[in-house]
Amino acid sequence: MAAYLVVEAIITDREKFAAYARRVPDLVAAFGGEYVVLGGAAEALEGDWGDARLVVHRWPDMATARRFWNSPEYAEIKKLRENAGEFRVMLLEGRLKEELD
Protein backbone atom coordinates (compact mmCIF):
# COMPACT_ATOMS: atom_id res chain seq x y z
CA MET A 1 0.00 0.00 0.00
CA ALA A 2 1.27 3.51 -0.79
CA ALA A 3 2.63 5.66 2.00
CA TYR A 4 2.55 9.42 2.42
CA LEU A 5 5.05 11.49 4.30
CA VAL A 6 3.34 14.70 5.43
CA VAL A 7 5.45 17.61 6.63
CA GLU A 8 4.07 20.67 8.42
CA ALA A 9 6.65 23.44 8.41
CA ILE A 10 6.81 26.87 9.95
CA ILE A 11 9.91 28.43 8.42
CA THR A 12 11.69 31.04 10.53
CA ASP A 13 14.94 31.32 8.53
CA ARG A 14 14.16 31.17 4.81
CA GLU A 15 17.77 31.47 3.69
CA LYS A 16 18.91 28.59 5.85
CA PHE A 17 15.91 26.48 4.85
CA ALA A 18 16.59 27.17 1.15
CA ALA A 19 19.87 25.23 1.34
CA TYR A 20 17.93 22.22 2.63
CA ALA A 21 15.10 22.62 0.12
CA ARG A 22 17.50 22.65 -2.84
CA ARG A 23 18.93 19.23 -1.92
CA VAL A 24 15.95 17.19 -0.77
CA PRO A 25 13.96 16.73 -4.03
CA ASP A 26 16.74 14.80 -5.78
CA LEU A 27 17.17 12.54 -2.76
CA VAL A 28 13.43 11.88 -2.51
CA ALA A 29 13.43 10.84 -6.18
CA ALA A 30 16.55 8.69 -5.74
CA PHE A 31 14.81 6.76 -2.96
CA GLY A 32 11.64 6.23 -5.05
CA GLY A 33 9.43 8.98 -3.65
CA GLU A 34 7.59 11.75 -5.44
CA TYR A 35 6.15 15.07 -4.36
CA VAL A 36 2.37 15.31 -4.33
CA VAL A 37 2.23 18.76 -2.71
CA LEU A 38 5.15 21.20 -2.76
CA GLY A 39 4.86 24.96 -2.63
CA GLY A 40 2.00 26.96 -4.07
CA ALA A 41 -0.63 29.13 -2.49
CA ALA A 42 -2.40 28.00 0.67
CA GLU A 43 -5.67 29.20 2.14
CA ALA A 44 -6.92 28.18 5.58
CA LEU A 45 -10.61 27.33 5.36
CA GLU A 46 -11.04 26.32 9.00
CA GLY A 47 -8.88 26.57 12.09
CA ASP A 48 -5.73 28.53 12.78
CA TRP A 49 -2.98 27.35 10.44
CA GLY A 50 -0.83 30.40 11.09
CA ASP A 51 2.25 30.35 8.89
CA ALA A 52 2.30 26.55 8.50
CA ARG A 53 3.09 25.12 5.08
CA LEU A 54 2.50 21.52 4.05
CA VAL A 55 4.59 19.22 1.89
CA VAL A 56 3.45 15.72 0.93
CA HIS A 57 5.62 12.97 -0.56
CA ARG A 58 4.15 9.74 -1.96
CA TRP A 59 6.11 6.53 -1.51
CA PRO A 60 5.54 2.99 -2.80
CA ASP A 61 5.17 1.74 0.80
CA MET A 62 6.00 2.55 4.42
CA ALA A 63 9.29 0.62 4.31
CA THR A 64 10.59 2.67 1.38
CA ALA A 65 9.67 5.94 3.08
CA ARG A 66 11.40 4.80 6.27
CA ARG A 67 14.54 3.87 4.30
CA PHE A 68 14.65 7.44 2.99
CA TRP A 69 13.90 9.03 6.38
CA ASN A 70 16.50 6.94 8.23
CA SER A 71 19.19 7.05 5.54
CA PRO A 72 22.62 8.55 6.18
CA GLU A 73 22.12 10.67 3.07
CA TYR A 74 18.96 12.29 4.46
CA ALA A 75 20.50 12.66 7.93
CA GLU A 76 23.26 14.75 6.36
CA ILE A 77 20.85 16.96 4.41
CA LYS A 78 18.48 17.28 7.38
CA LYS A 79 21.24 19.06 9.32
CA LEU A 80 20.83 21.97 6.90
CA ARG A 81 17.35 22.77 8.25
CA GLU A 82 18.41 22.90 11.92
CA ASN A 83 17.29 26.19 13.47
CA ALA A 84 15.46 27.08 10.25
CA GLY A 85 11.96 26.49 11.61
CA GLU A 86 9.58 24.14 13.37
CA PHE A 87 8.63 20.87 11.72
CA ARG A 88 6.15 18.09 12.33
CA VAL A 89 6.33 14.97 10.17
CA MET A 90 3.89 12.09 9.89
CA LEU A 91 4.06 8.90 7.85
CA LEU A 92 0.77 7.26 6.93
CA GLU A 93 -0.56 4.60 4.63
CA GLY A 94 -3.33 5.27 2.20
CA ARG A 95 -4.79 4.73 -1.22
CA LEU A 96 -5.93 7.24 -3.77
CA LYS A 97 -9.61 6.98 -4.64
CA GLU A 98 -8.83 5.64 -8.12
CA GLU A 99 -6.78 2.85 -6.51
CA LEU A 100 -9.86 1.69 -4.57
CA ASP A 101 -11.98 1.15 -7.71
PDB file of N, CA and C in Angstrom:
ATOM      1  N   MET A   1       0.847  -1.173   0.000  1.00  0.00           N
ATOM      2  CA  MET A   1       0.000   0.000   0.000  1.00  0.00           C
ATOM      3  C   MET A   1       0.898   1.244   0.000  1.00  0.00           C
ATOM      4  N   ALA A   2       0.503   2.261  -0.726  1.00  0.00           N
ATOM      5  CA  ALA A   2       1.270   3.506  -0.790  1.00  0.00           C
ATOM      6  C   ALA A   2       1.366   4.151   0.586  1.00  0.00           C
ATOM      7  N   ALA A   3       2.424   4.926   0.754  1.00  0.00           N
ATOM      8  CA  ALA A   3       2.634   5.661   2.003  1.00  0.00           C
ATOM      9  C   ALA A   3       2.832   7.127   1.661  1.00  0.00           C
ATOM     10  N   TYR A   4       2.441   7.981   2.592  1.00  0.00           N
ATOM     11  CA  TYR A   4       2.550   9.424   2.415  1.00  0.00           C
ATOM     12  C   TYR A   4       3.307  10.005   3.592  1.00  0.00           C
ATOM     13  N   LEU A   5       4.307  10.788   3.285  1.00  0.00           N
ATOM     14  CA  LEU A   5       5.053  11.490   4.303  1.00  0.00           C
ATOM     15  C   LEU A   5       4.556  12.930   4.264  1.00  0.00           C
ATOM     16  N   VAL A   6       3.945  13.369   5.353  1.00  0.00           N
ATOM     17  CA  VAL A   6       3.336  14.695   5.428  1.00  0.00           C
ATOM     18  C   VAL A   6       4.178  15.552   6.368  1.00  0.00           C
ATOM     19  N   VAL A   7       4.604  16.698   5.861  1.00  0.00           N
ATOM     20  CA  VAL A   7       5.446  17.606   6.630  1.00  0.00           C
ATOM     21  C   VAL A   7       4.700  18.921   6.832  1.00  0.00           C
ATOM     22  N   GLU A   8       4.594  19.336   8.084  1.00  0.00           N
ATOM     23  CA  GLU A   8       4.068  20.665   8.416  1.00  0.00           C
ATOM     24  C   GLU A   8       5.276  21.499   8.830  1.00  0.00           C
ATOM     25  N   ALA A   9       5.471  22.624   8.152  1.00  0.00           N
ATOM     26  CA  ALA A   9       6.653  23.443   8.412  1.00  0.00           C
ATOM     27  C   ALA A   9       6.267  24.891   8.687  1.00  0.00           C
ATOM     28  N   ILE A  10       6.874  25.443   9.697  1.00  0.00           N
ATOM     29  CA  ILE A  10       6.806  26.875   9.952  1.00  0.00           C
ATOM     30  C   ILE A  10       8.244  27.359   9.832  1.00  0.00           C
ATOM     31  N   ILE A  11       8.544  28.012   8.736  1.00  0.00           N
ATOM     32  CA  ILE A  11       9.911  28.427   8.425  1.00  0.00           C
ATOM     33  C   ILE A  11      10.207  29.768   9.094  1.00  0.00           C
ATOM     34  N   THR A  12      11.296  29.807   9.857  1.00  0.00           N
ATOM     35  CA  THR A  12      11.694  31.037  10.526  1.00  0.00           C
ATOM     36  C   THR A  12      12.964  31.638   9.919  1.00  0.00           C
ATOM     37  N   ASP A  13      13.720  30.840   9.194  1.00  0.00           N
ATOM     38  CA  ASP A  13      14.936  31.320   8.529  1.00  0.00           C
ATOM     39  C   ASP A  13      14.907  30.796   7.095  1.00  0.00           C
ATOM     40  N   ARG A  14      14.354  31.606   6.202  1.00  0.00           N
ATOM     41  CA  ARG A  14      14.161  31.165   4.807  1.00  0.00           C
ATOM     42  C   ARG A  14      15.475  30.883   4.084  1.00  0.00           C
ATOM     43  N   GLU A  15      16.477  31.672   4.356  1.00  0.00           N
ATOM     44  CA  GLU A  15      17.769  31.466   3.689  1.00  0.00           C
ATOM     45  C   GLU A  15      18.382  30.129   4.086  1.00  0.00           C
ATOM     46  N   LYS A  16      18.369  29.850   5.369  1.00  0.00           N
ATOM     47  CA  LYS A  16      18.910  28.585   5.853  1.00  0.00           C
ATOM     48  C   LYS A  16      18.083  27.410   5.315  1.00  0.00           C
ATOM     49  N   PHE A  17      16.773  27.550   5.341  1.00  0.00           N
ATOM     50  CA  PHE A  17      15.912  26.478   4.854  1.00  0.00           C
ATOM     51  C   PHE A  17      16.112  26.241   3.359  1.00  0.00           C
ATOM     52  N   ALA A  18      16.409  27.289   2.601  1.00  0.00           N
ATOM     53  CA  ALA A  18      16.587  27.171   1.153  1.00  0.00           C
ATOM     54  C   ALA A  18      17.705  26.185   0.806  1.00  0.00           C
ATOM     55  N   ALA A  19      18.769  26.164   1.586  1.00  0.00           N
ATOM     56  CA  ALA A  19      19.865  25.226   1.342  1.00  0.00           C
ATOM     57  C   ALA A  19      19.381  23.787   1.467  1.00  0.00           C
ATOM     58  N   TYR A  20      18.538  23.538   2.449  1.00  0.00           N
ATOM     59  CA  TYR A  20      17.929  22.216   2.635  1.00  0.00           C
ATOM     60  C   TYR A  20      16.985  21.894   1.473  1.00  0.00           C
ATOM     61  N   ALA A  21      16.130  22.834   1.147  1.00  0.00           N
ATOM     62  CA  ALA A  21      15.100  22.619   0.123  1.00  0.00           C
ATOM     63  C   ALA A  21      15.693  22.353  -1.260  1.00  0.00           C
ATOM     64  N   ARG A  22      16.854  22.886  -1.541  1.00  0.00           N
ATOM     65  CA  ARG A  22      17.496  22.649  -2.837  1.00  0.00           C
ATOM     66  C   ARG A  22      17.984  21.210  -2.972  1.00  0.00           C
ATOM     67  N   ARG A  23      18.318  20.557  -1.873  1.00  0.00           N
ATOM     68  CA  ARG A  23      18.931  19.227  -1.922  1.00  0.00           C
ATOM     69  C   ARG A  23      17.952  18.076  -1.774  1.00  0.00           C
ATOM     70  N   VAL A  24      16.850  18.299  -1.091  1.00  0.00           N
ATOM     71  CA  VAL A  24      15.945  17.185  -0.766  1.00  0.00           C
ATOM     72  C   VAL A  24      15.234  16.574  -1.977  1.00  0.00           C
ATOM     73  N   PRO A  25      14.716  17.343  -2.933  1.00  0.00           N
ATOM     74  CA  PRO A  25      13.958  16.726  -4.029  1.00  0.00           C
ATOM     75  C   PRO A  25      14.705  15.629  -4.789  1.00  0.00           C
ATOM     76  N   ASP A  26      15.976  15.832  -5.072  1.00  0.00           N
ATOM     77  CA  ASP A  26      16.737  14.803  -5.779  1.00  0.00           C
ATOM     78  C   ASP A  26      16.876  13.540  -4.938  1.00  0.00           C
ATOM     79  N   LEU A  27      17.042  13.701  -3.634  1.00  0.00           N
ATOM     80  CA  LEU A  27      17.174  12.536  -2.762  1.00  0.00           C
ATOM     81  C   LEU A  27      15.851  11.787  -2.645  1.00  0.00           C
ATOM     82  N   VAL A  28      14.751  12.527  -2.535  1.00  0.00           N
ATOM     83  CA  VAL A  28      13.427  11.885  -2.509  1.00  0.00           C
ATOM     84  C   VAL A  28      13.255  11.023  -3.760  1.00  0.00           C
ATOM     85  N   ALA A  29      13.567  11.584  -4.920  1.00  0.00           N
ATOM     86  CA  ALA A  29      13.432  10.845  -6.178  1.00  0.00           C
ATOM     87  C   ALA A  29      14.363   9.635  -6.212  1.00  0.00           C
ATOM     88  N   ALA A  30      15.587   9.790  -5.738  1.00  0.00           N
ATOM     89  CA  ALA A  30      16.551   8.689  -5.741  1.00  0.00           C
ATOM     90  C   ALA A  30      16.078   7.517  -4.890  1.00  0.00           C
ATOM     91  N   PHE A  31      15.314   7.815  -3.842  1.00  0.00           N
ATOM     92  CA  PHE A  31      14.805   6.760  -2.961  1.00  0.00           C
ATOM     93  C   PHE A  31      13.440   6.235  -3.406  1.00  0.00           C
ATOM     94  N   GLY A  32      12.900   6.753  -4.523  1.00  0.00           N
ATOM     95  CA  GLY A  32      11.636   6.231  -5.046  1.00  0.00           C
ATOM     96  C   GLY A  32      10.402   6.997  -4.635  1.00  0.00           C
ATOM     97  N   GLY A  33      10.575   8.175  -4.044  1.00  0.00           N
ATOM     98  CA  GLY A  33       9.428   8.984  -3.649  1.00  0.00           C
ATOM     99  C   GLY A  33       9.127  10.044  -4.697  1.00  0.00           C
ATOM    100  N   GLU A  34       7.964  10.646  -4.554  1.00  0.00           N
ATOM    101  CA  GLU A  34       7.589  11.749  -5.437  1.00  0.00           C
ATOM    102  C   GLU A  34       6.801  12.769  -4.623  1.00  0.00           C
ATOM    103  N   TYR A  35       6.897  14.015  -5.036  1.00  0.00           N
ATOM    104  CA  TYR A  35       6.147  15.066  -4.357  1.00  0.00           C
ATOM    105  C   TYR A  35       4.723  15.103  -4.891  1.00  0.00           C
ATOM    106  N   VAL A  36       3.772  15.144  -3.985  1.00  0.00           N
ATOM    107  CA  VAL A  36       2.365  15.311  -4.328  1.00  0.00           C
ATOM    108  C   VAL A  36       1.978  16.775  -4.107  1.00  0.00           C
ATOM    109  N   VAL A  37       2.480  17.355  -3.028  1.00  0.00           N
ATOM    110  CA  VAL A  37       2.234  18.765  -2.708  1.00  0.00           C
ATOM    111  C   VAL A  37       3.574  19.397  -2.347  1.00  0.00           C
ATOM    112  N   LEU A  38       3.911  20.477  -3.042  1.00  0.00           N
ATOM    113  CA  LEU A  38       5.148  21.200  -2.760  1.00  0.00           C
ATOM    114  C   LEU A  38       4.977  22.641  -3.216  1.00  0.00           C
ATOM    115  N   GLY A  39       4.988  23.552  -2.277  1.00  0.00           N
ATOM    116  CA  GLY A  39       4.858  24.962  -2.627  1.00  0.00           C
ATOM    117  C   GLY A  39       3.448  25.327  -3.051  1.00  0.00           C
ATOM    118  N   GLY A  40       3.310  26.491  -3.622  1.00  0.00           N
ATOM    119  CA  GLY A  40       2.003  26.958  -4.072  1.00  0.00           C
ATOM    120  C   GLY A  40       1.256  27.715  -2.987  1.00  0.00           C
ATOM    121  N   ALA A  41       0.192  28.334  -3.403  1.00  0.00           N
ATOM    122  CA  ALA A  41      -0.635  29.126  -2.490  1.00  0.00           C
ATOM    123  C   ALA A  41      -1.378  28.216  -1.518  1.00  0.00           C
ATOM    124  N   ALA A  42      -1.639  28.728  -0.339  1.00  0.00           N
ATOM    125  CA  ALA A  42      -2.401  27.996   0.673  1.00  0.00           C
ATOM    126  C   ALA A  42      -3.428  28.933   1.292  1.00  0.00           C
ATOM    127  N   GLU A  43      -4.594  28.408   1.545  1.00  0.00           N
ATOM    128  CA  GLU A  43      -5.674  29.198   2.140  1.00  0.00           C
ATOM    129  C   GLU A  43      -6.335  28.373   3.239  1.00  0.00           C
ATOM    130  N   ALA A  44      -6.278  28.862   4.468  1.00  0.00           N
ATOM    131  CA  ALA A  44      -6.924  28.180   5.583  1.00  0.00           C
ATOM    132  C   ALA A  44      -8.432  28.363   5.465  1.00  0.00           C
ATOM    133  N   LEU A  45      -9.162  27.269   5.439  1.00  0.00           N
ATOM    134  CA  LEU A  45     -10.615  27.325   5.360  1.00  0.00           C
ATOM    135  C   LEU A  45     -11.262  27.128   6.731  1.00  0.00           C
ATOM    136  N   GLU A  46     -10.526  26.519   7.647  1.00  0.00           N
ATOM    137  CA  GLU A  46     -11.039  26.322   9.002  1.00  0.00           C
ATOM    138  C   GLU A  46      -9.867  26.128   9.938  1.00  0.00           C
ATOM    139  N   GLY A  47      -9.935  26.702  11.099  1.00  0.00           N
ATOM    140  CA  GLY A  47      -8.875  26.565  12.087  1.00  0.00           C
ATOM    141  C   GLY A  47      -7.745  27.553  11.858  1.00  0.00           C
ATOM    142  N   ASP A  48      -6.854  27.608  12.828  1.00  0.00           N
ATOM    143  CA  ASP A  48      -5.729  28.531  12.779  1.00  0.00           C
ATOM    144  C   ASP A  48      -4.489  27.803  12.284  1.00  0.00           C
ATOM    145  N   TRP A  49      -4.164  27.976  11.021  1.00  0.00           N
ATOM    146  CA  TRP A  49      -2.977  27.353  10.441  1.00  0.00           C
ATOM    147  C   TRP A  49      -1.759  28.243  10.583  1.00  0.00           C
ATOM    148  N   GLY A  50      -1.961  29.500  10.944  1.00  0.00           N
ATOM    149  CA  GLY A  50      -0.832  30.401  11.092  1.00  0.00           C
ATOM    150  C   GLY A  50       0.015  30.430   9.829  1.00  0.00           C
ATOM    151  N   ASP A  51       1.319  30.318  10.006  1.00  0.00           N
ATOM    152  CA  ASP A  51       2.252  30.348   8.885  1.00  0.00           C
ATOM    153  C   ASP A  51       2.652  28.951   8.415  1.00  0.00           C
ATOM    154  N   ALA A  52       1.939  27.929   8.839  1.00  0.00           N
ATOM    155  CA  ALA A  52       2.300  26.553   8.497  1.00  0.00           C
ATOM    156  C   ALA A  52       2.151  26.293   7.005  1.00  0.00           C
ATOM    157  N   ARG A  53       3.125  25.585   6.461  1.00  0.00           N
ATOM    158  CA  ARG A  53       3.093  25.124   5.077  1.00  0.00           C
ATOM    159  C   ARG A  53       3.137  23.601   5.104  1.00  0.00           C
ATOM    160  N   LEU A  54       2.516  22.976   4.125  1.00  0.00           N
ATOM    161  CA  LEU A  54       2.504  21.519   4.052  1.00  0.00           C
ATOM    162  C   LEU A  54       3.255  21.040   2.826  1.00  0.00           C
ATOM    163  N   VAL A  55       3.940  19.927   2.989  1.00  0.00           N
ATOM    164  CA  VAL A  55       4.586  19.222   1.891  1.00  0.00           C
ATOM    165  C   VAL A  55       4.169  17.766   2.028  1.00  0.00           C
ATOM    166  N   VAL A  56       3.844  17.120   0.909  1.00  0.00           N
ATOM    167  CA  VAL A  56       3.447  15.715   0.926  1.00  0.00           C
ATOM    168  C   VAL A  56       4.268  14.960  -0.106  1.00  0.00           C
ATOM    169  N   HIS A  57       4.910  13.881   0.347  1.00  0.00           N
ATOM    170  CA  HIS A  57       5.617  12.965  -0.555  1.00  0.00           C
ATOM    171  C   HIS A  57       4.780  11.689  -0.653  1.00  0.00           C
ATOM    172  N   ARG A  58       4.787  11.059  -1.789  1.00  0.00           N
ATOM    173  CA  ARG A  58       4.152   9.742  -1.960  1.00  0.00           C
ATOM    174  C   ARG A  58       5.260   8.719  -2.163  1.00  0.00           C
ATOM    175  N   TRP A  59       5.121   7.605  -1.468  1.00  0.00           N
ATOM    176  CA  TRP A  59       6.111   6.525  -1.509  1.00  0.00           C
ATOM    177  C   TRP A  59       5.426   5.212  -1.878  1.00  0.00           C
ATOM    178  N   PRO A  60       6.152   4.276  -2.451  1.00  0.00           N
ATOM    179  CA  PRO A  60       5.543   2.990  -2.797  1.00  0.00           C
ATOM    180  C   PRO A  60       4.969   2.261  -1.577  1.00  0.00           C
ATOM    181  N   ASP A  61       5.624   2.416  -0.423  1.00  0.00           N
ATOM    182  CA  ASP A  61       5.170   1.744   0.798  1.00  0.00           C
ATOM    183  C   ASP A  61       5.874   2.379   2.000  1.00  0.00           C
ATOM    184  N   MET A  62       5.442   1.986   3.185  1.00  0.00           N
ATOM    185  CA  MET A  62       6.002   2.549   4.417  1.00  0.00           C
ATOM    186  C   MET A  62       7.492   2.231   4.543  1.00  0.00           C
ATOM    187  N   ALA A  63       7.886   1.019   4.176  1.00  0.00           N
ATOM    188  CA  ALA A  63       9.288   0.620   4.312  1.00  0.00           C
ATOM    189  C   ALA A  63      10.197   1.499   3.465  1.00  0.00           C
ATOM    190  N   THR A  64       9.783   1.824   2.248  1.00  0.00           N
ATOM    191  CA  THR A  64      10.592   2.668   1.375  1.00  0.00           C
ATOM    192  C   THR A  64      10.722   4.072   1.953  1.00  0.00           C
ATOM    193  N   ALA A  65       9.627   4.609   2.466  1.00  0.00           N
ATOM    194  CA  ALA A  65       9.669   5.940   3.081  1.00  0.00           C
ATOM    195  C   ALA A  65      10.585   5.942   4.300  1.00  0.00           C
ATOM    196  N   ARG A  66      10.536   4.888   5.090  1.00  0.00           N
ATOM    197  CA  ARG A  66      11.404   4.801   6.267  1.00  0.00           C
ATOM    198  C   ARG A  66      12.876   4.700   5.863  1.00  0.00           C
ATOM    199  N   ARG A  67      13.158   3.958   4.769  1.00  0.00           N
ATOM    200  CA  ARG A  67      14.542   3.867   4.298  1.00  0.00           C
ATOM    201  C   ARG A  67      15.081   5.256   3.956  1.00  0.00           C
ATOM    202  N   PHE A  68      14.260   6.057   3.283  1.00  0.00           N
ATOM    203  CA  PHE A  68      14.650   7.443   2.991  1.00  0.00           C
ATOM    204  C   PHE A  68      14.878   8.208   4.288  1.00  0.00           C
ATOM    205  N   TRP A  69      13.878   8.212   5.170  1.00  0.00           N
ATOM    206  CA  TRP A  69      13.902   9.028   6.379  1.00  0.00           C
ATOM    207  C   TRP A  69      15.088   8.673   7.283  1.00  0.00           C
ATOM    208  N   ASN A  70      15.429   7.400   7.337  1.00  0.00           N
ATOM    209  CA  ASN A  70      16.497   6.938   8.225  1.00  0.00           C
ATOM    210  C   ASN A  70      17.854   6.815   7.534  1.00  0.00           C
ATOM    211  N   SER A  71      17.944   7.214   6.296  1.00  0.00           N
ATOM    212  CA  SER A  71      19.185   7.046   5.536  1.00  0.00           C
ATOM    213  C   SER A  71      20.260   8.026   5.996  1.00  0.00           C
ATOM    214  N   PRO A  72      21.520   7.621   5.875  1.00  0.00           N
ATOM    215  CA  PRO A  72      22.618   8.547   6.179  1.00  0.00           C
ATOM    216  C   PRO A  72      22.603   9.765   5.254  1.00  0.00           C
ATOM    217  N   GLU A  73      22.177   9.564   4.017  1.00  0.00           N
ATOM    218  CA  GLU A  73      22.115  10.675   3.066  1.00  0.00           C
ATOM    219  C   GLU A  73      21.125  11.745   3.524  1.00  0.00           C
ATOM    220  N   TYR A  74      19.936  11.316   3.988  1.00  0.00           N
ATOM    221  CA  TYR A  74      18.962  12.293   4.462  1.00  0.00           C
ATOM    222  C   TYR A  74      19.410  12.911   5.784  1.00  0.00           C
ATOM    223  N   ALA A  75      20.023  12.117   6.649  1.00  0.00           N
ATOM    224  CA  ALA A  75      20.501  12.658   7.929  1.00  0.00           C
ATOM    225  C   ALA A  75      21.462  13.815   7.692  1.00  0.00           C
ATOM    226  N   GLU A  76      22.312  13.690   6.676  1.00  0.00           N
ATOM    227  CA  GLU A  76      23.262  14.751   6.360  1.00  0.00           C
ATOM    228  C   GLU A  76      22.540  16.006   5.861  1.00  0.00           C
ATOM    229  N   ILE A  77      21.588  15.824   4.953  1.00  0.00           N
ATOM    230  CA  ILE A  77      20.850  16.965   4.411  1.00  0.00           C
ATOM    231  C   ILE A  77      19.968  17.604   5.490  1.00  0.00           C
ATOM    232  N   LYS A  78      19.385  16.782   6.335  1.00  0.00           N
ATOM    233  CA  LYS A  78      18.481  17.283   7.384  1.00  0.00           C
ATOM    234  C   LYS A  78      19.181  18.275   8.312  1.00  0.00           C
ATOM    235  N   LYS A  79      20.477  18.127   8.482  1.00  0.00           N
ATOM    236  CA  LYS A  79      21.239  19.062   9.320  1.00  0.00           C
ATOM    237  C   LYS A  79      21.116  20.496   8.806  1.00  0.00           C
ATOM    238  N   LEU A  80      20.918  20.640   7.499  1.00  0.00           N
ATOM    239  CA  LEU A  80      20.833  21.971   6.900  1.00  0.00           C
ATOM    240  C   LEU A  80      19.607  22.760   7.368  1.00  0.00           C
ATOM    241  N   ARG A  81      18.565  22.057   7.829  1.00  0.00           N
ATOM    242  CA  ARG A  81      17.352  22.765   8.255  1.00  0.00           C
ATOM    243  C   ARG A  81      17.324  23.046   9.758  1.00  0.00           C
ATOM    244  N   GLU A  82      18.353  22.631  10.488  1.00  0.00           N
ATOM    245  CA  GLU A  82      18.408  22.896  11.923  1.00  0.00           C
ATOM    246  C   GLU A  82      18.335  24.395  12.172  1.00  0.00           C
ATOM    247  N   ASN A  83      17.502  24.782  13.111  1.00  0.00           N
ATOM    248  CA  ASN A  83      17.287  26.189  13.471  1.00  0.00           C
ATOM    249  C   ASN A  83      16.712  27.024  12.333  1.00  0.00           C
ATOM    250  N   ALA A  84      16.079  26.363  11.368  1.00  0.00           N
ATOM    251  CA  ALA A  84      15.460  27.078  10.252  1.00  0.00           C
ATOM    252  C   ALA A  84      13.945  27.146  10.399  1.00  0.00           C
ATOM    253  N   GLY A  85      13.401  26.477  11.419  1.00  0.00           N
ATOM    254  CA  GLY A  85      11.961  26.485  11.613  1.00  0.00           C
ATOM    255  C   GLY A  85      11.513  25.383  12.542  1.00  0.00           C
ATOM    256  N   GLU A  86      10.202  25.203  12.572  1.00  0.00           N
ATOM    257  CA  GLU A  86       9.580  24.143  13.366  1.00  0.00           C
ATOM    258  C   GLU A  86       8.928  23.173  12.396  1.00  0.00           C
ATOM    259  N   PHE A  87       9.107  21.883  12.648  1.00  0.00           N
ATOM    260  CA  PHE A  87       8.629  20.867  11.717  1.00  0.00           C
ATOM    261  C   PHE A  87       7.913  19.752  12.467  1.00  0.00           C
ATOM    262  N   ARG A  88       6.832  19.300  11.869  1.00  0.00           N
ATOM    263  CA  ARG A  88       6.146  18.091  12.326  1.00  0.00           C
ATOM    264  C   ARG A  88       6.038  17.191  11.102  1.00  0.00           C
ATOM    265  N   VAL A  89       6.322  15.905  11.291  1.00  0.00           N
ATOM    266  CA  VAL A  89       6.330  14.971  10.165  1.00  0.00           C
ATOM    267  C   VAL A  89       5.548  13.736  10.559  1.00  0.00           C
ATOM    268  N   MET A  90       4.689  13.289   9.653  1.00  0.00           N
ATOM    269  CA  MET A  90       3.886  12.093   9.891  1.00  0.00           C
ATOM    270  C   MET A  90       3.987  11.186   8.665  1.00  0.00           C
ATOM    271  N   LEU A  91       4.071   9.895   8.911  1.00  0.00           N
ATOM    272  CA  LEU A  91       4.064   8.900   7.847  1.00  0.00           C
ATOM    273  C   LEU A  91       2.776   8.105   7.970  1.00  0.00           C
ATOM    274  N   LEU A  92       2.029   8.006   6.883  1.00  0.00           N
ATOM    275  CA  LEU A  92       0.775   7.264   6.932  1.00  0.00           C
ATOM    276  C   LEU A  92       0.550   6.477   5.655  1.00  0.00           C
ATOM    277  N   GLU A  93      -0.180   5.405   5.786  1.00  0.00           N
ATOM    278  CA  GLU A  93      -0.557   4.597   4.628  1.00  0.00           C
ATOM    279  C   GLU A  93      -1.871   5.101   4.070  1.00  0.00           C
ATOM    280  N   GLY A  94      -2.059   4.888   2.782  1.00  0.00           N
ATOM    281  CA  GLY A  94      -3.330   5.270   2.197  1.00  0.00           C
ATOM    282  C   GLY A  94      -3.374   4.935   0.726  1.00  0.00           C
ATOM    283  N   ARG A  95      -4.568   4.962   0.201  1.00  0.00           N
ATOM    284  CA  ARG A  95      -4.794   4.733  -1.219  1.00  0.00           C
ATOM    285  C   ARG A  95      -5.493   5.933  -1.795  1.00  0.00           C
ATOM    286  N   LEU A  96      -5.173   6.236  -3.051  1.00  0.00           N
ATOM    287  CA  LEU A  96      -5.932   7.245  -3.768  1.00  0.00           C
ATOM    288  C   LEU A  96      -7.269   6.653  -4.155  1.00  0.00           C
ATOM    289  N   LYS A  97      -8.276   7.467  -4.314  1.00  0.00           N
ATOM    290  CA  LYS A  97      -9.608   6.978  -4.636  1.00  0.00           C
ATOM    291  C   LYS A  97      -9.589   6.059  -5.853  1.00  0.00           C
ATOM    292  N   GLU A  98      -8.851   6.460  -6.896  1.00  0.00           N
ATOM    293  CA  GLU A  98      -8.828   5.641  -8.119  1.00  0.00           C
ATOM    294  C   GLU A  98      -8.174   4.272  -7.875  1.00  0.00           C
ATOM    295  N   GLU A  99      -7.383   4.141  -6.829  1.00  0.00           N
ATOM    296  CA  GLU A  99      -6.780   2.852  -6.507  1.00  0.00           C
ATOM    297  C   GLU A  99      -7.783   1.927  -5.806  1.00  0.00           C
ATOM    298  N   LEU A 100      -8.852   2.485  -5.273  1.00  0.00           N
ATOM    299  CA  LEU A 100      -9.865   1.688  -4.575  1.00  0.00           C
ATOM    300  C   LEU A 100     -10.851   1.055  -5.549  1.00  0.00           C
ATOM    301  N   ASP A 101     -11.005   1.644  -6.722  1.00  0.00           N
ATOM    302  CA  ASP A 101     -11.981   1.145  -7.707  1.00  0.00           C
ATOM    303  C   ASP A 101     -11.530  -0.151  -8.347  1.00  0.00           C
TER     304      ASP A 101
END
